[in-house]
């Protein structure tokens, strides 16, 4: 398993930095919002950030792409 890493997913710390950064940015705009609404927006934000990070990671780290042969 160590010989063939799973390149479908970014390293955990990429997700962590993206989620924490987006949450800090969200907090600047969400002052005074009710807690349940804030939780709902946070869940949606995390799902979107994970999807975006994964999409960018897979687009830039394709196995068998032309860049890997250069």
C-alpha atoms as a PDB file:
ATOM      1  CA  UNK A   1       0.000   0.000   0.000  1.00  0.00           C
ATOM      2  CA  UNK A   2       2.869   2.386   0.720  1.00  0.00           C
ATOM      3  CA  UNK A   3       4.270   1.726  -2.747  1.00  0.00           C
ATOM      4  CA  UNK A   4       1.166   3.050  -4.523  1.00  0.00           C
ATOM      5  CA  UNK A   5      -0.356   6.038  -2.718  1.00  0.00           C
ATOM      6  CA  UNK A   6      -3.975   6.908  -3.387  1.00  0.00           C
ATOM      7  CA  UNK A   7      -3.740  10.076  -5.494  1.00  0.00           C
ATOM      8  CA  UNK A   8      -7.503  10.587  -5.609  1.00  0.00           C
ATOM      9  CA  UNK A   9      -7.475  12.534  -2.340  1.00  0.00           C
ATOM     10  CA  UNK A  10      -5.392  15.507  -1.261  1.00  0.00           C
ATOM     11  CA  UNK A  11      -3.365  15.154   1.947  1.00  0.00           C
ATOM     12  CA  UNK A  12      -5.399  15.724   5.087  1.00  0.00           C
ATOM     13  CA  UNK A  13      -3.626  18.997   5.907  1.00  0.00           C
ATOM     14  CA  UNK A  14      -4.771  20.558   2.598  1.00  0.00           C
ATOM     15  CA  UNK A  15      -8.387  19.947   3.606  1.00  0.00           C
ATOM     16  CA  UNK A  16      -7.693  21.214   7.127  1.00  0.00           C
ATOM     17  CA  UNK A  17      -6.159  24.496   5.978  1.00  0.00           C
ATOM     18  CA  UNK A  18      -8.917  25.074   3.399  1.00  0.00           C
ATOM     19  CA  UNK A  19     -11.725  24.350   5.875  1.00  0.00           C
ATOM     20  CA  UNK A  20     -10.244  26.429   8.700  1.00  0.00           C
ATOM     21  CA  UNK A  21      -9.465  29.319   6.349  1.00  0.00           C
ATOM     22  CA  UNK A  22     -12.920  29.337   4.799  1.00  0.00           C
ATOM     23  CA  UNK A  23     -14.537  29.105   8.235  1.00  0.00           C
ATOM     24  CA  UNK A  24     -12.528  32.084   9.496  1.00  0.00           C
ATOM     25  CA  UNK A  25     -13.576  34.047   6.418  1.00  0.00           C
ATOM     26  CA  UNK A  26     -17.214  32.994   6.896  1.00  0.00           C
ATOM     27  CA  UNK A  27     -17.182  34.223  10.489  1.00  0.00           C
ATOM     28  CA  UNK A  28     -16.392  37.747   9.300  1.00  0.00           C
ATOM     29  CA  UNK A  29     -19.726  37.856   7.483  1.00  0.00           C
ATOM     30  CA  UNK A  30     -21.905  35.778   9.852  1.00  0.00           C
ATOM     31  CA  UNK A  31     -21.895  37.854  13.031  1.00  0.00           C
ATOM     32  CA  UNK A  32     -25.298  37.954  14.675  1.00  0.00           C
ATOM     33  CA  UNK A  33     -26.710  34.967  12.787  1.00  0.00           C
ATOM     34  CA  UNK A  34     -28.635  32.368  14.800  1.00  0.00           C
ATOM     35  CA  UNK A  35     -26.633  29.287  15.788  1.00  0.00           C
ATOM     36  CA  UNK A  36     -28.691  26.726  13.815  1.00  0.00           C
ATOM     37  CA  UNK A  37     -28.335  28.817  10.657  1.00  0.00           C
ATOM     38  CA  UNK A  38     -24.609  29.180  11.276  1.00  0.00           C
ATOM     39  CA  UNK A  39     -24.246  25.410  11.711  1.00  0.00           C
ATOM     40  CA  UNK A  40     -26.158  24.743   8.504  1.00  0.00           C
ATOM     41  CA  UNK A  41     -24.033  27.195   6.544  1.00  0.00           C
ATOM     42  CA  UNK A  42     -20.877  25.674   8.026  1.00  0.00           C
ATOM     43  CA  UNK A  43     -21.900  22.164   6.950  1.00  0.00           C
ATOM     44  CA  UNK A  44     -22.623  23.351   3.415  1.00  0.00           C
ATOM     45  CA  UNK A  45     -19.345  25.273   3.358  1.00  0.00           C
ATOM     46  CA  UNK A  46     -17.338  22.225   4.451  1.00  0.00           C
ATOM     47  CA  UNK A  47     -18.979  20.044   1.790  1.00  0.00           C
ATOM     48  CA  UNK A  48     -18.229  22.629  -0.894  1.00  0.00           C
ATOM     49  CA  UNK A  49     -14.625  23.112   0.254  1.00  0.00           C
ATOM     50  CA  UNK A  50     -13.984  19.353   0.306  1.00  0.00           C
ATOM     51  CA  UNK A  51     -15.483  18.996  -3.172  1.00  0.00           C
ATOM     52  CA  UNK A  52     -13.442  21.918  -4.533  1.00  0.00           C
ATOM     53  CA  UNK A  53     -10.155  20.768  -2.982  1.00  0.00           C
ATOM     54  CA  UNK A  54     -10.714  17.224  -4.258  1.00  0.00           C
ATOM     55  CA  UNK A  55     -11.593  18.464  -7.756  1.00  0.00           C
ATOM     56  CA  UNK A  56      -8.496  20.692  -7.936  1.00  0.00           C
ATOM     57  CA  UNK A  57      -6.280  17.933  -6.531  1.00  0.00           C
ATOM     58  CA  UNK A  58      -7.511  15.366  -9.035  1.00  0.00           C
ATOM     59  CA  UNK A  59      -7.227  17.824 -11.921  1.00  0.00           C
ATOM     60  CA  UNK A  60      -3.617  18.621 -11.043  1.00  0.00           C
ATOM     61  CA  UNK A  61      -2.449  15.144  -9.968  1.00  0.00           C
ATOM     62  CA  UNK A  62      -3.768  12.841 -12.674  1.00  0.00           C
ATOM     63  CA  UNK A  63      -2.083   9.478 -13.029  1.00  0.00           C
ATOM     64  CA  UNK A  64      -0.835   8.817 -16.529  1.00  0.00           C
ATOM     65  CA  UNK A  65      -1.183  12.419 -17.631  1.00  0.00           C
ATOM     66  CA  UNK A  66       1.156  14.022 -20.128  1.00  0.00           C
ATOM     67  CA  UNK A  67       2.898  15.976 -17.383  1.00  0.00           C
ATOM     68  CA  UNK A  68       4.008  12.832 -15.570  1.00  0.00           C
ATOM     69  CA  UNK A  69       5.913  11.600 -18.649  1.00  0.00           C
ATOM     70  CA  UNK A  70       7.888  14.845 -19.079  1.00  0.00           C
END
